[in-house]
Amino acid sequence: MAQVIIQERCTRCGVCLPACPNDGIEVVAGAYVIRDGLCTGCYGFHAAPKCAEVCPVEAVADDGTGPLTDEEAGLRAAWIHPERFPND
């Protein structure tokens, strides 16, 4: 399941930026957002989404699209990090 930042809760502290192994969080017009297609739920890096774990105000939540299967997360991770997840 991909993550989303709940803007009403986000304090823009920035701790989520370096936590994302996919560089998938960016600041757009002063708001922190998770870029579409770059969230793998930290597949292959952490047991759970690191951005949600480090957020001090619980502003990161599941996006409601349903869980990514391991296959979907693995394919997305291989697209983002081909050097770490070779697609043989």
PDB file of N, CA and C in Angstrom:
ATOM      1  N   MET A   1       0.845  -1.170   0.000  1.00  0.00           N
ATOM      2  CA  MET A   1       0.000   0.000   0.000  1.00  0.00           C
ATOM      3  C   MET A   1       0.891   1.233   0.000  1.00  0.00           C
ATOM      4  N   ALA A   2       0.598   2.133  -0.836  1.00  0.00           N
ATOM      5  CA  ALA A   2       1.346   3.379  -0.886  1.00  0.00           C
ATOM      6  C   ALA A   2       0.913   4.272   0.272  1.00  0.00           C
ATOM      7  N   GLN A   3       1.742   5.231   0.555  1.00  0.00           N
ATOM      8  CA  GLN A   3       1.487   6.154   1.649  1.00  0.00           C
ATOM      9  C   GLN A   3       1.117   7.524   1.109  1.00  0.00           C
ATOM     10  N   VAL A   4       0.476   8.316   1.948  1.00  0.00           N
ATOM     11  CA  VAL A   4       0.109   9.680   1.620  1.00  0.00           C
ATOM     12  C   VAL A   4       0.365  10.535   2.865  1.00  0.00           C
ATOM     13  N   ILE A   5       0.719  11.787   2.645  1.00  0.00           N
ATOM     14  CA  ILE A   5       0.927  12.707   3.759  1.00  0.00           C
ATOM     15  C   ILE A   5      -0.360  13.506   3.952  1.00  0.00           C
ATOM     16  N   ILE A   6      -0.882  13.467   5.146  1.00  0.00           N
ATOM     17  CA  ILE A   6      -2.109  14.191   5.485  1.00  0.00           C
ATOM     18  C   ILE A   6      -1.708  15.635   5.797  1.00  0.00           C
ATOM     19  N   GLN A   7      -2.040  16.528   4.897  1.00  0.00           N
ATOM     20  CA  GLN A   7      -1.574  17.908   4.984  1.00  0.00           C
ATOM     21  C   GLN A   7      -2.047  18.622   6.248  1.00  0.00           C
ATOM     22  N   GLU A   8      -3.234  18.316   6.715  1.00  0.00           N
ATOM     23  CA  GLU A   8      -3.759  18.970   7.911  1.00  0.00           C
ATOM     24  C   GLU A   8      -2.956  18.618   9.162  1.00  0.00           C
ATOM     25  N   ARG A   9      -2.270  17.488   9.143  1.00  0.00           N
ATOM     26  CA  ARG A   9      -1.463  17.063  10.297  1.00  0.00           C
ATOM     27  C   ARG A   9       0.011  17.421  10.144  1.00  0.00           C
ATOM     28  N   CYS A  10       0.475  17.516   8.917  1.00  0.00           N
ATOM     29  CA  CYS A  10       1.907  17.702   8.649  1.00  0.00           C
ATOM     30  C   CYS A  10       2.388  19.046   9.181  1.00  0.00           C
ATOM     31  N   THR A  11       3.493  19.012   9.937  1.00  0.00           N
ATOM     32  CA  THR A  11       4.093  20.239  10.475  1.00  0.00           C
ATOM     33  C   THR A  11       5.272  20.715   9.634  1.00  0.00           C
ATOM     34  N   ARG A  12       5.547  20.010   8.540  1.00  0.00           N
ATOM     35  CA  ARG A  12       6.641  20.337   7.623  1.00  0.00           C
ATOM     36  C   ARG A  12       8.007  20.336   8.317  1.00  0.00           C
ATOM     37  N   CYS A  13       8.184  19.355   9.202  1.00  0.00           N
ATOM     38  CA  CYS A  13       9.457  19.245   9.932  1.00  0.00           C
ATOM     39  C   CYS A  13      10.568  18.668   9.066  1.00  0.00           C
ATOM     40  N   GLY A  14      10.208  17.886   8.051  1.00  0.00           N
ATOM     41  CA  GLY A  14      11.194  17.365   7.115  1.00  0.00           C
ATOM     42  C   GLY A  14      11.858  16.049   7.481  1.00  0.00           C
ATOM     43  N   VAL A  15      11.506  15.434   8.598  1.00  0.00           N
ATOM     44  CA  VAL A  15      12.176  14.181   8.969  1.00  0.00           C
ATOM     45  C   VAL A  15      11.866  13.045   8.003  1.00  0.00           C
ATOM     46  N   CYS A  16      10.783  13.160   7.265  1.00  0.00           N
ATOM     47  CA  CYS A  16      10.417  12.104   6.325  1.00  0.00           C
ATOM     48  C   CYS A  16      11.299  12.109   5.074  1.00  0.00           C
ATOM     49  N   LEU A  17      11.824  13.259   4.697  1.00  0.00           N
ATOM     50  CA  LEU A  17      12.596  13.356   3.449  1.00  0.00           C
ATOM     51  C   LEU A  17      13.755  12.365   3.393  1.00  0.00           C
ATOM     52  N   PRO A  18      14.668  12.377   4.354  1.00  0.00           N
ATOM     53  CA  PRO A  18      15.783  11.424   4.274  1.00  0.00           C
ATOM     54  C   PRO A  18      15.388   9.992   4.621  1.00  0.00           C
ATOM     55  N   ALA A  19      14.212   9.802   5.212  1.00  0.00           N
ATOM     56  CA  ALA A  19      13.772   8.451   5.588  1.00  0.00           C
ATOM     57  C   ALA A  19      13.345   7.625   4.391  1.00  0.00           C
ATOM     58  N   CYS A  20      12.952   8.272   3.304  1.00  0.00           N
ATOM     59  CA  CYS A  20      12.442   7.549   2.134  1.00  0.00           C
ATOM     60  C   CYS A  20      13.592   7.004   1.291  1.00  0.00           C
ATOM     61  N   PRO A  21      13.693   5.680   1.153  1.00  0.00           N
ATOM     62  CA  PRO A  21      14.788   5.114   0.361  1.00  0.00           C
ATOM     63  C   PRO A  21      14.618   5.354  -1.141  1.00  0.00           C
ATOM     64  N   ASN A  22      13.443   5.812  -1.542  1.00  0.00           N
ATOM     65  CA  ASN A  22      13.167   6.032  -2.966  1.00  0.00           C
ATOM     66  C   ASN A  22      13.233   7.504  -3.362  1.00  0.00           C
ATOM     67  N   ASP A  23      13.619   8.371  -2.436  1.00  0.00           N
ATOM     68  CA  ASP A  23      13.584   9.820  -2.690  1.00  0.00           C
ATOM     69  C   ASP A  23      12.215  10.215  -3.227  1.00  0.00           C
ATOM     70  N   GLY A  24      11.191   9.627  -2.652  1.00  0.00           N
ATOM     71  CA  GLY A  24       9.842   9.802  -3.160  1.00  0.00           C
ATOM     72  C   GLY A  24       9.053  10.914  -2.514  1.00  0.00           C
ATOM     73  N   ILE A  25       9.654  11.629  -1.571  1.00  0.00           N
ATOM     74  CA  ILE A  25       8.944  12.722  -0.913  1.00  0.00           C
ATOM     75  C   ILE A  25       9.569  14.030  -1.365  1.00  0.00           C
ATOM     76  N   GLU A  26       8.713  14.965  -1.749  1.00  0.00           N
ATOM     77  CA  GLU A  26       9.207  16.262  -2.188  1.00  0.00           C
ATOM     78  C   GLU A  26       8.332  17.365  -1.619  1.00  0.00           C
ATOM     79  N   VAL A  27       8.857  18.576  -1.678  1.00  0.00           N
ATOM     80  CA  VAL A  27       8.114  19.743  -1.222  1.00  0.00           C
ATOM     81  C   VAL A  27       7.555  20.433  -2.455  1.00  0.00           C
ATOM     82  N   VAL A  28       6.246  20.578  -2.475  1.00  0.00           N
ATOM     83  CA  VAL A  28       5.556  21.232  -3.589  1.00  0.00           C
ATOM     84  C   VAL A  28       4.729  22.369  -3.005  1.00  0.00           C
ATOM     85  N   ALA A  29       5.063  23.585  -3.393  1.00  0.00           N
ATOM     86  CA  ALA A  29       4.346  24.773  -2.902  1.00  0.00           C
ATOM     87  C   ALA A  29       4.249  24.768  -1.376  1.00  0.00           C
ATOM     88  N   GLY A  30       5.339  24.380  -0.710  1.00  0.00           N
ATOM     89  CA  GLY A  30       5.387  24.379   0.742  1.00  0.00           C
ATOM     90  C   GLY A  30       4.798  23.163   1.422  1.00  0.00           C
ATOM     91  N   ALA A  31       4.233  22.241   0.647  1.00  0.00           N
ATOM     92  CA  ALA A  31       3.619  21.037   1.222  1.00  0.00           C
ATOM     93  C   ALA A  31       4.485  19.819   0.907  1.00  0.00           C
ATOM     94  N   TYR A  32       4.606  18.928   1.872  1.00  0.00           N
ATOM     95  CA  TYR A  32       5.332  17.678   1.667  1.00  0.00           C
ATOM     96  C   TYR A  32       4.374  16.680   1.031  1.00  0.00           C
ATOM     97  N   VAL A  33       4.798  16.088  -0.072  1.00  0.00           N
ATOM     98  CA  VAL A  33       3.962  15.116  -0.785  1.00  0.00           C
ATOM     99  C   VAL A  33       4.793  13.902  -1.184  1.00  0.00           C
ATOM    100  N   ILE A  34       4.138  12.766  -1.263  1.00  0.00           N
ATOM    101  CA  ILE A  34       4.777  11.546  -1.735  1.00  0.00           C
ATOM    102  C   ILE A  34       4.470  11.437  -3.212  1.00  0.00           C
ATOM    103  N   ARG A  35       5.515  11.413  -4.015  1.00  0.00           N
ATOM    104  CA  ARG A  35       5.350  11.401  -5.468  1.00  0.00           C
ATOM    105  C   ARG A  35       4.698  10.103  -5.927  1.00  0.00           C
ATOM    106  N   ASP A  36       3.726  10.265  -6.795  1.00  0.00           N
ATOM    107  CA  ASP A  36       2.966   9.139  -7.325  1.00  0.00           C
ATOM    108  C   ASP A  36       3.890   8.097  -7.958  1.00  0.00           C
ATOM    109  N   GLY A  37       3.704   6.862  -7.583  1.00  0.00           N
ATOM    110  CA  GLY A  37       4.464   5.765  -8.167  1.00  0.00           C
ATOM    111  C   GLY A  37       5.809   5.487  -7.526  1.00  0.00           C
ATOM    112  N   LEU A  38       6.236   6.311  -6.571  1.00  0.00           N
ATOM    113  CA  LEU A  38       7.535   6.079  -5.959  1.00  0.00           C
ATOM    114  C   LEU A  38       7.462   5.437  -4.573  1.00  0.00           C
ATOM    115  N   CYS A  39       6.274   5.222  -4.071  1.00  0.00           N
ATOM    116  CA  CYS A  39       6.146   4.568  -2.769  1.00  0.00           C
ATOM    117  C   CYS A  39       6.035   3.055  -2.970  1.00  0.00           C
ATOM    118  N   THR A  40       6.943   2.346  -2.336  1.00  0.00           N
ATOM    119  CA  THR A  40       6.920   0.881  -2.356  1.00  0.00           C
ATOM    120  C   THR A  40       6.617   0.318  -0.975  1.00  0.00           C
ATOM    121  N   GLY A  41       6.263   1.188  -0.032  1.00  0.00           N
ATOM    122  CA  GLY A  41       6.092   0.741   1.344  1.00  0.00           C
ATOM    123  C   GLY A  41       7.427   0.333   1.944  1.00  0.00           C
ATOM    124  N   CYS A  42       8.511   0.859   1.366  1.00  0.00           N
ATOM    125  CA  CYS A  42       9.897   0.575   1.763  1.00  0.00           C
ATOM    126  C   CYS A  42      10.299  -0.873   1.490  1.00  0.00           C
ATOM    127  N   TYR A  43       9.658  -1.491   0.508  1.00  0.00           N
ATOM    128  CA  TYR A  43       9.959  -2.867   0.107  1.00  0.00           C
ATOM    129  C   TYR A  43      11.469  -3.035  -0.102  1.00  0.00           C
ATOM    130  N   GLY A  44      12.023  -4.047   0.529  1.00  0.00           N
ATOM    131  CA  GLY A  44      13.431  -4.357   0.376  1.00  0.00           C
ATOM    132  C   GLY A  44      14.366  -3.502   1.214  1.00  0.00           C
ATOM    133  N   PHE A  45      13.828  -2.526   1.931  1.00  0.00           N
ATOM    134  CA  PHE A  45      14.651  -1.641   2.759  1.00  0.00           C
ATOM    135  C   PHE A  45      14.260  -1.724   4.234  1.00  0.00           C
ATOM    136  N   HIS A  46      12.957  -1.651   4.499  1.00  0.00           N
ATOM    137  CA  HIS A  46      12.449  -1.645   5.876  1.00  0.00           C
ATOM    138  C   HIS A  46      11.210  -2.534   5.945  1.00  0.00           C
ATOM    139  N   ALA A  47      10.895  -2.990   7.122  1.00  0.00           N
ATOM    140  CA  ALA A  47       9.738  -3.873   7.296  1.00  0.00           C
ATOM    141  C   ALA A  47       8.409  -3.142   7.131  1.00  0.00           C
ATOM    142  N   ALA A  48       8.426  -1.836   7.312  1.00  0.00           N
ATOM    143  CA  ALA A  48       7.218  -1.011   7.194  1.00  0.00           C
ATOM    144  C   ALA A  48       7.642   0.349   6.654  1.00  0.00           C
ATOM    145  N   PRO A  49       6.694   1.146   6.182  1.00  0.00           N
ATOM    146  CA  PRO A  49       7.046   2.466   5.653  1.00  0.00           C
ATOM    147  C   PRO A  49       7.784   3.333   6.673  1.00  0.00           C
ATOM    148  N   LYS A  50       9.001   3.677   6.354  1.00  0.00           N
ATOM    149  CA  LYS A  50       9.853   4.435   7.272  1.00  0.00           C
ATOM    150  C   LYS A  50       9.329   5.848   7.503  1.00  0.00           C
ATOM    151  N   CYS A  51       8.731   6.456   6.483  1.00  0.00           N
ATOM    152  CA  CYS A  51       8.213   7.815   6.646  1.00  0.00           C
ATOM    153  C   CYS A  51       7.155   7.860   7.741  1.00  0.00           C
ATOM    154  N   ALA A  52       6.298   6.863   7.771  1.00  0.00           N
ATOM    155  CA  ALA A  52       5.260   6.802   8.797  1.00  0.00           C
ATOM    156  C   ALA A  52       5.879   6.560  10.168  1.00  0.00           C
ATOM    157  N   GLU A  53       6.928   5.751  10.195  1.00  0.00           N
ATOM    158  CA  GLU A  53       7.591   5.431  11.465  1.00  0.00           C
ATOM    159  C   GLU A  53       8.253   6.656  12.084  1.00  0.00           C
ATOM    160  N   VAL A  54       8.875   7.498  11.273  1.00  0.00           N
ATOM    161  CA  VAL A  54       9.624   8.641  11.817  1.00  0.00           C
ATOM    162  C   VAL A  54       8.774   9.887  12.013  1.00  0.00           C
ATOM    163  N   CYS A  55       7.596   9.936  11.444  1.00  0.00           N
ATOM    164  CA  CYS A  55       6.760  11.137  11.538  1.00  0.00           C
ATOM    165  C   CYS A  55       6.309  11.365  12.984  1.00  0.00           C
ATOM    166  N   PRO A  56       6.672  12.505  13.563  1.00  0.00           N
ATOM    167  CA  PRO A  56       6.334  12.746  14.970  1.00  0.00           C
ATOM    168  C   PRO A  56       4.868  13.107  15.216  1.00  0.00           C
ATOM    169  N   VAL A  57       4.123  13.412  14.154  1.00  0.00           N
ATOM    170  CA  VAL A  57       2.723  13.818  14.329  1.00  0.00           C
ATOM    171  C   VAL A  57       1.740  12.884  13.623  1.00  0.00           C
ATOM    172  N   GLU A  58       2.229  11.726  13.197  1.00  0.00           N
ATOM    173  CA  GLU A  58       1.401  10.714  12.527  1.00  0.00           C
ATOM    174  C   GLU A  58       0.646  11.297  11.333  1.00  0.00           C
ATOM    175  N   ALA A  59       1.385  12.036  10.501  1.00  0.00           N
ATOM    176  CA  ALA A  59       0.796  12.653   9.315  1.00  0.00           C
ATOM    177  C   ALA A  59       0.891  11.763   8.080  1.00  0.00           C
ATOM    178  N   VAL A  60       1.456  10.583   8.211  1.00  0.00           N
ATOM    179  CA  VAL A  60       1.585   9.670   7.074  1.00  0.00           C
ATOM    180  C   VAL A  60       0.635   8.496   7.283  1.00  0.00           C
ATOM    181  N   ALA A  61      -0.144   8.201   6.249  1.00  0.00           N
ATOM    182  CA  ALA A  61      -1.124   7.124   6.350  1.00  0.00           C
ATOM    183  C   ALA A  61      -1.193   6.360   5.038  1.00  0.00           C
ATOM    184  N   ASP A  62      -1.834   5.193   5.075  1.00  0.00           N
ATOM    185  CA  ASP A  62      -2.084   4.437   3.851  1.00  0.00           C
ATOM    186  C   ASP A  62      -2.946   5.281   2.930  1.00  0.00           C
ATOM    187  N   ASP A  63      -2.703   5.173   1.642  1.00  0.00           N
ATOM    188  CA  ASP A  63      -3.441   6.014   0.693  1.00  0.00           C
ATOM    189  C   ASP A  63      -4.830   5.489   0.349  1.00  0.00           C
ATOM    190  N   GLY A  64      -5.187   4.320   0.844  1.00  0.00           N
ATOM    191  CA  GLY A  64      -6.523   3.801   0.629  1.00  0.00           C
ATOM    192  C   GLY A  64      -6.711   3.025  -0.661  1.00  0.00           C
ATOM    193  N   THR A  65      -5.641   2.829  -1.426  1.00  0.00           N
ATOM    194  CA  THR A  65      -5.762   2.100  -2.686  1.00  0.00           C
ATOM    195  C   THR A  65      -5.661   0.597  -2.507  1.00  0.00           C
ATOM    196  N   GLY A  66      -5.407   0.158  -1.298  1.00  0.00           N
ATOM    197  CA  GLY A  66      -5.249  -1.265  -1.052  1.00  0.00           C
ATOM    198  C   GLY A  66      -3.780  -1.634  -1.049  1.00  0.00           C
ATOM    199  N   PRO A  67      -3.459  -2.776  -0.498  1.00  0.00           N
ATOM    200  CA  PRO A  67      -2.057  -3.161  -0.365  1.00  0.00           C
ATOM    201  C   PRO A  67      -1.406  -3.506  -1.702  1.00  0.00           C
ATOM    202  N   LEU A  68      -0.136  -3.143  -1.810  1.00  0.00           N
ATOM    203  CA  LEU A  68       0.672  -3.606  -2.931  1.00  0.00           C
ATOM    204  C   LEU A  68       1.030  -5.058  -2.650  1.00  0.00           C
ATOM    205  N   THR A  69       0.939  -5.903  -3.646  1.00  0.00           N
ATOM    206  CA  THR A  69       1.427  -7.266  -3.459  1.00  0.00           C
ATOM    207  C   THR A  69       2.946  -7.208  -3.446  1.00  0.00           C
ATOM    208  N   ASP A  70       3.573  -8.270  -2.959  1.00  0.00           N
ATOM    209  CA  ASP A  70       5.035  -8.311  -2.980  1.00  0.00           C
ATOM    210  C   ASP A  70       5.545  -8.189  -4.406  1.00  0.00           C
ATOM    211  N   GLU A  71       4.824  -8.784  -5.350  1.00  0.00           N
ATOM    212  CA  GLU A  71       5.230  -8.702  -6.750  1.00  0.00           C
ATOM    213  C   GLU A  71       5.166  -7.257  -7.259  1.00  0.00           C
ATOM    214  N   GLU A  72       4.071  -6.568  -6.958  1.00  0.00           N
ATOM    215  CA  GLU A  72       3.936  -5.168  -7.385  1.00  0.00           C
ATOM    216  C   GLU A  72       5.004  -4.291  -6.747  1.00  0.00           C
ATOM    217  N   ALA A  73       5.199  -4.452  -5.441  1.00  0.00           N
ATOM    218  CA  ALA A  73       6.213  -3.662  -4.745  1.00  0.00           C
ATOM    219  C   ALA A  73       7.605  -3.982  -5.280  1.00  0.00           C
ATOM    220  N   GLY A  74       7.866  -5.257  -5.545  1.00  0.00           N
ATOM    221  CA  GLY A  74       9.164  -5.657  -6.085  1.00  0.00           C
ATOM    222  C   GLY A  74       9.416  -5.085  -7.467  1.00  0.00           C
ATOM    223  N   LEU A  75       8.407  -5.090  -8.316  1.00  0.00           N
ATOM    224  CA  LEU A  75       8.560  -4.518  -9.661  1.00  0.00           C
ATOM    225  C   LEU A  75       8.792  -3.012  -9.595  1.00  0.00           C
ATOM    226  N   ARG A  76       8.058  -2.347  -8.721  1.00  0.00           N
ATOM    227  CA  ARG A  76       8.232  -0.899  -8.561  1.00  0.00           C
ATOM    228  C   ARG A  76       9.619  -0.601  -8.004  1.00  0.00           C
ATOM    229  N   ALA A  77      10.056  -1.391  -7.023  1.00  0.00           N
ATOM    230  CA  ALA A  77      11.389  -1.200  -6.439  1.00  0.00           C
ATOM    231  C   ALA A  77      12.476  -1.446  -7.478  1.00  0.00           C
ATOM    232  N   ALA A  78      12.295  -2.443  -8.333  1.00  0.00           N
ATOM    233  CA  ALA A  78      13.282  -2.734  -9.384  1.00  0.00           C
ATOM    234  C   ALA A  78      13.349  -1.603 -10.399  1.00  0.00           C
ATOM    235  N   TRP A  79      12.223  -0.964 -10.680  1.00  0.00           N
ATOM    236  CA  TRP A  79      12.193   0.176 -11.596  1.00  0.00           C
ATOM    237  C   TRP A  79      12.927   1.374 -10.987  1.00  0.00           C
ATOM    238  N   ILE A  80      12.736   1.582  -9.673  1.00  0.00           N
ATOM    239  CA  ILE A  80      13.356   2.721  -8.992  1.00  0.00           C
ATOM    240  C   ILE A  80      14.838   2.469  -8.718  1.00  0.00           C
ATOM    241  N   HIS A  81      15.180   1.253  -8.326  1.00  0.00           N
ATOM    242  CA  HIS A  81      16.540   0.881  -7.920  1.00  0.00           C
ATOM    243  C   HIS A  81      17.036  -0.338  -8.700  1.00  0.00           C
ATOM    244  N   PRO A  82      17.253  -0.229  -9.999  1.00  0.00           N
ATOM    245  CA  PRO A  82      17.664  -1.396 -10.772  1.00  0.00           C
ATOM    246  C   PRO A  82      19.003  -1.984 -10.316  1.00  0.00           C
ATOM    247  N   GLU A  83      19.842  -1.162  -9.707  1.00  0.00           N
ATOM    248  CA  GLU A  83      21.126  -1.656  -9.223  1.00  0.00           C
ATOM    249  C   GLU A  83      20.971  -2.549  -7.997  1.00  0.00           C
ATOM    250  N   ARG A  84      19.935  -2.337  -7.223  1.00  0.00           N
ATOM    251  CA  ARG A  84      19.701  -3.122  -5.994  1.00  0.00           C
ATOM    252  C   ARG A  84      18.777  -4.308  -6.260  1.00  0.00           C
ATOM    253  N   PHE A  85      17.845  -4.161  -7.171  1.00  0.00           N
ATOM    254  CA  PHE A  85      16.875  -5.197  -7.475  1.00  0.00           C
ATOM    255  C   PHE A  85      16.932  -5.525  -8.973  1.00  0.00           C
ATOM    256  N   PRO A  86      17.945  -6.252  -9.401  1.00  0.00           N
ATOM    257  CA  PRO A  86      18.049  -6.567 -10.814  1.00  0.00           C
ATOM    258  C   PRO A  86      16.842  -7.360 -11.299  1.00  0.00           C
ATOM    259  N   ASN A  87      16.338  -7.003 -12.440  1.00  0.00           N
ATOM    260  CA  ASN A  87      15.176  -7.670 -13.013  1.00  0.00           C
ATOM    261  C   ASN A  87      15.662  -8.674 -14.052  1.00  0.00           C
ATOM    262  N   ASP A  88      15.867  -9.897 -13.601  1.00  0.00           N
ATOM    263  CA  ASP A  88      16.410 -10.945 -14.496  1.00  0.00           C
ATOM    264  C   ASP A  88      15.343 -11.575 -15.326  1.00  0.00           C
TER     265      ASP A  88
END
